[in-house]
Amino acid sequence: MSNMTPKERITNFFRKEPIDVMPCFSGMGMVTVQAIDQMGIRFPQVHTSAENMARSAMTSAEIYGFDSVVIPYDMCTVPEALGRGISLYEDSEEILYPTVPSKWPTLEDVEIPEDFLSKGRMPLVDEAFGILKSQSDGRFALGGWVLGPFTMAGQLIELDILLKGTKKFKEQVEDFLDKMTHLVTKVALHYQTLGVDYMNIREMGTGTDLLSPRMWKNLVQPNLQRVFHALAFPKILHICGSTDMIIEMMNDCGADALSVDQKNNLADSRKKLGDSALLLGNFDPFQTLVQMETDQVEPVIKKCIDSGVDAVWPGCDLWPAVKKENVEAYVQAIRKYGKGASPAVGRV
């Protein structure tokens, strides 16, 4: 078995070229309290300092042997830059992610400033990407992400306004989602110019437990196709929730890999997609890494691999307050059961 670096392993993975072992990585945040405690800081501080953001990502990867570092951690960087404000909960001793305190009340109120990439914490995230590229010495693959157009819309207006408007104000809704598509594309392309090794579009809130397949096809798929058409390789589409009924439409969006969460039937998705598609998923990170007993973790990871994934991915961000022993078991299980070829990626 060759001894690839984490970055080489992930680079080959997306090219569907042989690798030594299944990579342990994600397209969502993988920061852990163990790294934060080691740094001597509090959780809110990872969101407001480029050095803390970069170092916490790298320290988490070093502690557990992750193959990637992924930033930013919260969903509010873009809404904040658009003028919607941010609640950071800096005085809280609990783990609370930043939230958007105010949304636009109507579709007509939405305004996207041309220079939003220079506003709020967007420059801080840029700086953190630069630190990771310079200080990781190419050891880790660098992942970036941005919300998909429909999910981004939900951060900026109340979704019931959008959904109710699909019949009464169809042109306004289409115009608004067009703005969201341009916005998401601009952010994703910007991160790619900064040198991320892969880009994840997180259209999280569009599973079929929230939207019907017909609504997904009409409101979500066309805009995702435009986003992925504009982006360079490698690019991933991630959707939370139920995706069994839309997995084939997801595969037609132009992404190089698909990521699903624990509600997806992986074995059925693999049958529908065939062996050439890169499929990522699909364990529940909170249940598996926070709530379970340590000896329960390995079977969960093995089941993902046995069901036909090319890489085991969490269904969402790792909850920072993970059990150390559980994360160790998660990584060890991937290395143990990921030595054999996956459907789309061979082994050296």
Protein backbone atom coordinates (compact mmCIF):
# COMPACT_ATOMS: atom_id res chain seq x y z
CA MET A 1 0.00 0.00 0.00
CA SER A 2 1.35 3.43 -0.95
CA ASN A 3 1.61 6.19 1.59
CA MET A 4 -0.34 9.07 0.12
CA THR A 5 -0.66 12.42 1.80
CA PRO A 6 -4.20 13.42 2.73
CA LYS A 7 -4.29 15.97 -0.08
CA GLU A 8 -3.04 13.44 -2.65
CA ARG A 9 -5.62 10.92 -1.44
CA ILE A 10 -8.51 13.34 -1.86
CA THR A 11 -7.22 14.73 -5.16
CA ASN A 12 -7.06 11.22 -6.61
CA PHE A 13 -10.42 10.38 -5.07
CA PHE A 14 -12.26 13.09 -6.99
CA ARG A 15 -10.45 12.11 -10.17
CA LYS A 16 -11.60 8.51 -9.59
CA GLU A 17 -7.99 7.42 -9.67
CA PRO A 18 -6.73 4.64 -7.37
CA ILE A 19 -6.00 5.58 -3.77
CA ASP A 20 -4.38 3.74 -0.87
CA VAL A 21 -7.36 3.86 1.50
CA MET A 22 -10.72 5.62 1.80
CA PRO A 23 -10.20 9.24 2.88
CA CYS A 24 -11.72 10.53 6.10
CA PHE A 25 -13.05 13.96 5.22
CA SER A 26 -16.15 16.08 4.80
CA GLY A 27 -17.58 19.10 3.04
CA MET A 28 -18.98 20.48 6.28
CA GLY A 29 -17.37 21.79 9.45
CA MET A 30 -15.19 19.35 11.40
CA VAL A 31 -14.08 21.55 14.30
CA THR A 32 -13.98 19.84 17.71
CA VAL A 33 -13.97 20.99 21.32
CA GLN A 34 -10.75 19.08 21.85
CA ALA A 35 -9.00 21.44 19.44
CA ILE A 36 -10.70 24.49 20.94
CA ASP A 37 -9.71 23.45 24.47
CA GLN A 38 -6.15 22.80 23.35
CA MET A 39 -6.02 26.34 21.94
CA GLY A 40 -7.33 27.79 25.20
CA ILE A 41 -10.23 29.65 23.56
CA ARG A 42 -14.03 29.51 23.67
CA PHE A 43 -16.29 28.34 20.86
CA PRO A 44 -17.57 31.82 19.83
CA GLN A 45 -13.98 32.89 19.20
CA VAL A 46 -13.51 30.51 16.27
CA HIS A 47 -15.94 32.63 14.24
CA THR A 48 -14.37 36.06 14.78
CA SER A 49 -10.65 35.49 14.23
CA ALA A 50 -9.00 34.22 11.05
CA GLU A 51 -6.19 32.71 13.09
CA ASN A 52 -8.61 30.91 15.43
CA MET A 53 -10.72 29.64 12.54
CA ALA A 54 -7.74 28.28 10.62
CA ARG A 55 -5.92 26.90 13.64
CA SER A 56 -9.00 25.18 15.08
CA ALA A 57 -9.64 23.43 11.75
CA MET A 58 -6.03 22.30 11.44
CA THR A 59 -5.73 21.26 15.09
CA SER A 60 -8.92 19.15 14.82
CA ALA A 61 -7.47 17.42 11.74
CA GLU A 62 -4.14 16.82 13.48
CA ILE A 63 -5.72 15.38 16.64
CA TYR A 64 -7.88 12.85 14.81
CA GLY A 65 -6.12 12.24 11.51
CA PHE A 66 -8.71 13.85 9.24
CA ASP A 67 -7.66 14.23 5.62
CA SER A 68 -9.20 17.68 5.17
CA VAL A 69 -9.78 21.02 6.81
CA VAL A 70 -13.08 22.78 6.07
CA ILE A 71 -14.14 26.37 6.75
CA PRO A 72 -16.16 28.46 7.53
CA TYR A 73 -18.19 26.91 10.33
CA ASP A 74 -21.42 28.91 10.34
CA MET A 75 -24.08 29.79 7.76
CA CYS A 76 -24.19 33.50 8.52
CA THR A 77 -21.09 34.88 6.79
CA VAL A 78 -22.93 35.78 3.59
CA PRO A 79 -26.18 37.07 5.19
CA GLU A 80 -24.07 39.20 7.53
CA ALA A 81 -22.16 40.65 4.57
CA LEU A 82 -25.49 41.49 2.93
CA GLY A 83 -26.44 43.63 5.92
CA ARG A 84 -28.70 41.22 7.81
CA GLY A 85 -26.55 41.38 10.95
CA ILE A 86 -25.34 38.53 13.12
CA SER A 87 -25.88 37.14 16.61
CA LEU A 88 -22.60 35.62 17.81
CA TYR A 89 -23.58 34.66 21.40
CA GLU A 90 -20.11 35.67 22.55
CA ASP A 91 -21.04 35.53 26.23
CA SER A 92 -22.45 32.02 26.08
CA GLU A 93 -20.56 29.15 27.66
CA GLU A 94 -22.58 26.70 25.55
CA ILE A 95 -21.96 25.74 21.94
CA LEU A 96 -24.21 28.08 19.99
CA TYR A 97 -23.63 28.75 16.31
CA PRO A 98 -24.17 32.30 15.01
CA THR A 99 -27.63 33.12 13.68
CA VAL A 100 -29.15 35.80 11.46
CA PRO A 101 -31.17 38.21 13.66
CA SER A 102 -33.23 39.86 10.92
CA LYS A 103 -34.46 38.78 7.52
CA TRP A 104 -35.87 40.87 4.70
CA PRO A 105 -39.64 41.18 5.21
CA THR A 106 -40.60 40.97 1.51
CA LEU A 107 -39.08 39.91 -1.79
CA GLU A 108 -39.07 43.53 -2.95
CA ASP A 109 -36.76 44.53 -0.10
CA VAL A 110 -33.93 42.24 -1.18
CA GLU A 111 -30.80 44.09 -2.29
CA ILE A 112 -27.45 42.43 -3.02
CA PRO A 113 -24.56 44.92 -2.84
CA GLU A 114 -21.90 44.37 -5.48
CA ASP A 115 -19.09 44.59 -2.91
CA PHE A 116 -20.52 42.14 -0.36
CA LEU A 117 -17.38 39.94 -0.57
CA SER A 118 -15.53 42.74 1.25
CA LYS A 119 -18.15 43.16 3.98
CA GLY A 120 -18.69 41.58 7.40
CA ARG A 121 -16.54 38.52 8.07
CA MET A 122 -16.02 37.59 4.43
CA PRO A 123 -12.44 39.01 4.45
CA LEU A 124 -11.81 37.11 7.71
CA VAL A 125 -12.77 33.83 6.01
CA ASP A 126 -10.50 34.70 3.07
CA GLU A 127 -7.64 35.28 5.49
CA ALA A 128 -8.32 31.95 7.21
CA PHE A 129 -8.15 30.15 3.85
CA GLY A 130 -4.79 31.83 3.24
CA ILE A 131 -3.46 30.74 6.63
CA LEU A 132 -4.54 27.15 6.02
CA LYS A 133 -2.88 27.04 2.62
CA SER A 134 0.37 28.47 3.95
CA GLN A 135 0.60 26.66 7.29
CA SER A 136 -0.68 23.18 6.47
CA ASP A 137 2.23 22.60 4.06
CA GLY A 138 -0.08 20.81 1.67
CA ARG A 139 -0.75 18.05 4.20
CA PHE A 140 -4.51 18.47 4.18
CA ALA A 141 -7.01 18.98 1.41
CA LEU A 142 -8.77 22.33 1.80
CA GLY A 143 -12.56 22.27 1.56
CA GLY A 144 -14.91 25.19 1.13
CA TRP A 145 -18.68 25.40 1.09
CA VAL A 146 -21.59 27.74 0.51
CA LEU A 147 -25.33 27.27 0.91
CA GLY A 148 -27.29 26.46 -2.23
CA PRO A 149 -29.63 29.10 -3.73
CA PHE A 150 -32.85 27.88 -2.11
CA THR A 151 -31.28 27.32 1.31
CA MET A 152 -29.53 30.70 1.10
CA ALA A 153 -32.93 32.22 0.40
CA GLY A 154 -34.16 30.80 3.71
CA GLN A 155 -31.41 32.67 5.54
CA LEU A 156 -32.51 35.97 4.03
CA ILE A 157 -36.33 35.83 3.97
CA GLU A 158 -38.92 33.64 5.65
CA LEU A 159 -39.43 30.59 3.44
CA ASP A 160 -43.21 30.71 3.73
CA ILE A 161 -43.06 34.03 1.87
CA LEU A 162 -41.15 32.31 -0.91
CA LEU A 163 -43.33 29.22 -1.05
CA LYS A 164 -46.61 31.13 -0.93
CA GLY A 165 -45.32 33.38 -3.67
CA THR A 166 -44.69 30.55 -6.12
CA LYS A 167 -48.33 30.78 -7.26
CA LYS A 168 -49.28 34.40 -6.63
CA PHE A 169 -45.97 36.10 -7.45
CA LYS A 170 -44.20 33.65 -9.73
CA GLU A 171 -42.06 36.23 -11.54
CA GLN A 172 -40.92 37.81 -8.27
CA VAL A 173 -39.97 34.43 -6.83
CA GLU A 174 -38.07 33.48 -9.98
CA ASP A 175 -36.26 36.83 -9.91
CA PHE A 176 -35.35 36.36 -6.24
CA LEU A 177 -34.01 32.83 -6.79
CA ASP A 178 -32.08 34.13 -9.78
CA LYS A 179 -30.41 36.64 -7.43
CA MET A 180 -29.64 33.82 -5.00
CA THR A 181 -28.12 31.73 -7.79
CA HIS A 182 -25.83 34.57 -8.85
CA LEU A 183 -24.93 35.18 -5.19
CA VAL A 184 -24.04 31.55 -4.48
CA THR A 185 -22.07 31.23 -7.71
CA LYS A 186 -20.09 34.38 -6.91
CA VAL A 187 -19.13 33.12 -3.45
CA ALA A 188 -18.23 29.62 -4.69
CA LEU A 189 -16.12 30.97 -7.56
CA HIS A 190 -14.41 33.34 -5.12
CA TYR A 191 -13.45 30.47 -2.83
CA GLN A 192 -12.16 28.53 -5.81
CA THR A 193 -9.91 31.45 -6.77
CA LEU A 194 -8.53 31.30 -3.21
CA GLY A 195 -7.36 27.74 -3.93
CA VAL A 196 -9.81 25.40 -2.23
CA ASP A 197 -9.28 21.79 -3.29
CA TYR A 198 -12.99 21.00 -3.48
CA MET A 199 -16.21 22.98 -3.22
CA ASN A 200 -19.42 21.80 -1.54
CA ILE A 201 -22.78 23.36 -2.38
CA ARG A 202 -25.05 22.71 0.58
CA GLU A 203 -28.64 22.86 -0.60
CA MET A 204 -29.57 21.56 2.83
CA GLY A 205 -33.18 22.53 3.21
CA THR A 206 -34.57 20.97 0.03
CA GLY A 207 -35.10 17.30 0.90
CA THR A 208 -38.45 15.79 0.01
CA ASP A 209 -39.58 15.94 3.62
CA LEU A 210 -39.77 19.70 2.95
CA LEU A 211 -40.31 20.04 -0.81
CA SER A 212 -42.14 17.72 -3.18
CA PRO A 213 -40.10 16.20 -6.03
CA ARG A 214 -42.07 18.35 -8.48
CA MET A 215 -41.31 21.54 -6.54
CA TRP A 216 -37.67 20.48 -6.26
CA LYS A 217 -37.47 19.99 -10.02
CA ASN A 218 -39.00 23.40 -10.71
CA LEU A 219 -37.52 25.59 -7.95
CA VAL A 220 -34.22 23.94 -7.06
CA GLN A 221 -32.74 21.86 -9.87
CA PRO A 222 -32.46 24.55 -12.60
CA ASN A 223 -30.61 26.93 -10.29
CA LEU A 224 -28.25 24.21 -9.07
CA GLN A 225 -27.48 23.33 -12.67
CA ARG A 226 -26.48 26.94 -13.31
CA VAL A 227 -24.25 27.00 -10.23
CA PHE A 228 -22.44 23.77 -11.07
CA HIS A 229 -22.07 24.74 -14.73
CA ALA A 230 -20.11 27.81 -13.59
CA LEU A 231 -17.80 26.02 -11.14
CA ALA A 232 -14.56 24.20 -11.70
CA PHE A 233 -13.87 20.59 -10.70
CA PRO A 234 -14.24 19.14 -8.07
CA LYS A 235 -17.68 20.17 -6.82
CA ILE A 236 -20.14 18.38 -4.55
CA LEU A 237 -23.90 18.67 -4.03
CA HIS A 238 -25.05 18.02 -0.46
CA ILE A 239 -28.70 17.76 0.58
CA CYS A 240 -30.02 16.91 4.05
CA GLY A 241 -33.20 14.99 4.77
CA SER A 242 -35.08 12.63 2.48
CA THR A 243 -33.46 12.39 -0.94
CA ASP A 244 -34.43 8.93 -2.22
CA MET A 245 -37.03 10.35 -4.60
CA ILE A 246 -34.73 13.03 -6.05
CA ILE A 247 -31.32 11.30 -6.09
CA GLU A 248 -31.38 10.88 -9.87
CA MET A 249 -32.34 14.52 -10.38
CA MET A 250 -29.53 15.47 -8.02
CA ASN A 251 -27.18 13.51 -10.23
CA ASP A 252 -28.32 15.57 -13.22
CA CYS A 253 -27.29 18.89 -11.65
CA GLY A 254 -23.68 18.74 -12.79
CA ALA A 255 -21.90 18.01 -9.51
CA ASP A 256 -18.91 15.66 -9.45
CA ALA A 257 -20.12 13.94 -6.27
CA LEU A 258 -23.34 13.64 -4.27
CA SER A 259 -23.57 13.83 -0.48
CA VAL A 260 -26.64 12.60 1.44
CA ASP A 261 -27.55 12.25 5.09
CA GLN A 262 -28.82 9.37 7.20
CA LYS A 263 -32.37 9.52 5.82
CA ASN A 264 -31.16 8.35 2.43
CA ASN A 265 -31.23 4.64 1.55
CA LEU A 266 -27.65 4.34 0.32
CA ALA A 267 -27.97 0.88 -1.19
CA ASP A 268 -30.97 1.98 -3.30
CA SER A 269 -29.22 5.20 -4.30
CA ARG A 270 -26.20 3.23 -5.46
CA LYS A 271 -28.41 1.01 -7.60
CA LYS A 272 -30.08 4.05 -9.17
CA LEU A 273 -26.82 5.89 -9.84
CA GLY A 274 -24.66 2.98 -10.92
CA ASP A 275 -21.05 2.40 -9.94
CA SER A 276 -19.52 5.39 -11.72
CA ALA A 277 -21.09 8.09 -9.55
CA LEU A 278 -19.20 9.36 -6.49
CA LEU A 279 -21.55 8.85 -3.54
CA LEU A 280 -20.80 10.29 -0.10
CA GLY A 281 -22.63 9.62 3.16
CA ASN A 282 -24.37 9.10 5.43
CA PHE A 283 -24.12 8.74 9.21
CA ASP A 284 -25.81 10.97 11.79
CA PRO A 285 -22.85 12.85 13.33
CA PHE A 286 -24.63 13.90 16.52
CA GLN A 287 -26.06 10.50 17.33
CA THR A 288 -22.91 8.62 16.33
CA LEU A 289 -20.17 10.84 17.74
CA VAL A 290 -21.93 12.44 20.72
CA GLN A 291 -24.67 10.11 21.97
CA MET A 292 -23.58 6.56 21.15
CA GLU A 293 -21.38 4.29 23.19
CA THR A 294 -17.97 3.99 21.57
CA ASP A 295 -18.36 0.33 20.63
CA GLN A 296 -21.46 1.23 18.60
CA VAL A 297 -19.58 3.54 16.23
CA GLU A 298 -17.70 1.01 14.10
CA PRO A 299 -20.86 -0.84 12.90
CA VAL A 300 -22.40 2.48 11.79
CA ILE A 301 -19.36 3.35 9.66
CA LYS A 302 -19.08 -0.17 8.28
CA LYS A 303 -22.74 -0.10 7.24
CA CYS A 304 -22.12 3.06 5.19
CA ILE A 305 -19.23 1.38 3.39
CA ASP A 306 -21.12 -1.87 2.87
CA SER A 307 -24.03 0.12 1.39
CA GLY A 308 -21.84 1.44 -1.41
CA VAL A 309 -20.39 4.83 -0.51
CA ASP A 310 -17.12 5.95 -2.01
CA ALA A 311 -16.37 7.97 1.13
CA VAL A 312 -18.06 8.01 4.52
CA TRP A 313 -19.36 11.50 5.17
CA PRO A 314 -21.35 12.85 8.11
CA GLY A 315 -24.87 13.98 7.27
CA CYS A 316 -24.07 17.48 8.53
CA ASP A 317 -21.35 19.34 10.45
CA LEU A 318 -19.68 17.46 13.27
CA TRP A 319 -21.19 18.72 16.52
CA PRO A 320 -18.10 20.23 18.21
CA ALA A 321 -18.75 18.54 21.58
CA VAL A 322 -17.89 15.10 20.25
CA LYS A 323 -16.65 12.24 22.40
CA LYS A 324 -12.96 11.82 21.71
CA GLU A 325 -13.17 8.02 21.77
CA ASN A 326 -16.07 8.04 19.30
CA VAL A 327 -14.24 10.19 16.76
CA GLU A 328 -11.21 7.96 17.06
CA ALA A 329 -13.41 4.93 16.43
CA TYR A 330 -14.99 6.67 13.41
CA VAL A 331 -11.61 7.40 11.82
CA GLN A 332 -10.24 3.93 12.62
CA ALA A 333 -13.29 2.25 11.10
CA ILE A 334 -12.87 4.15 7.83
CA ARG A 335 -9.21 3.12 7.63
CA LYS A 336 -10.06 -0.47 8.54
CA TYR A 337 -12.98 -1.08 6.19
CA GLY A 338 -11.94 1.41 3.51
CA LYS A 339 -8.92 -0.54 2.30
CA GLY A 340 -10.91 -2.22 -0.44
CA ALA A 341 -12.06 -0.48 -3.61
CA SER A 342 -15.35 1.41 -3.53
CA PRO A 343 -17.76 1.33 -6.48
CA ALA A 344 -16.26 4.38 -8.23
CA VAL A 345 -12.72 4.50 -6.85
CA GLY A 346 -10.10 1.75 -7.03
CA ARG A 347 -7.12 1.06 -4.78
CA VAL A 348 -3.43 1.07 -5.54
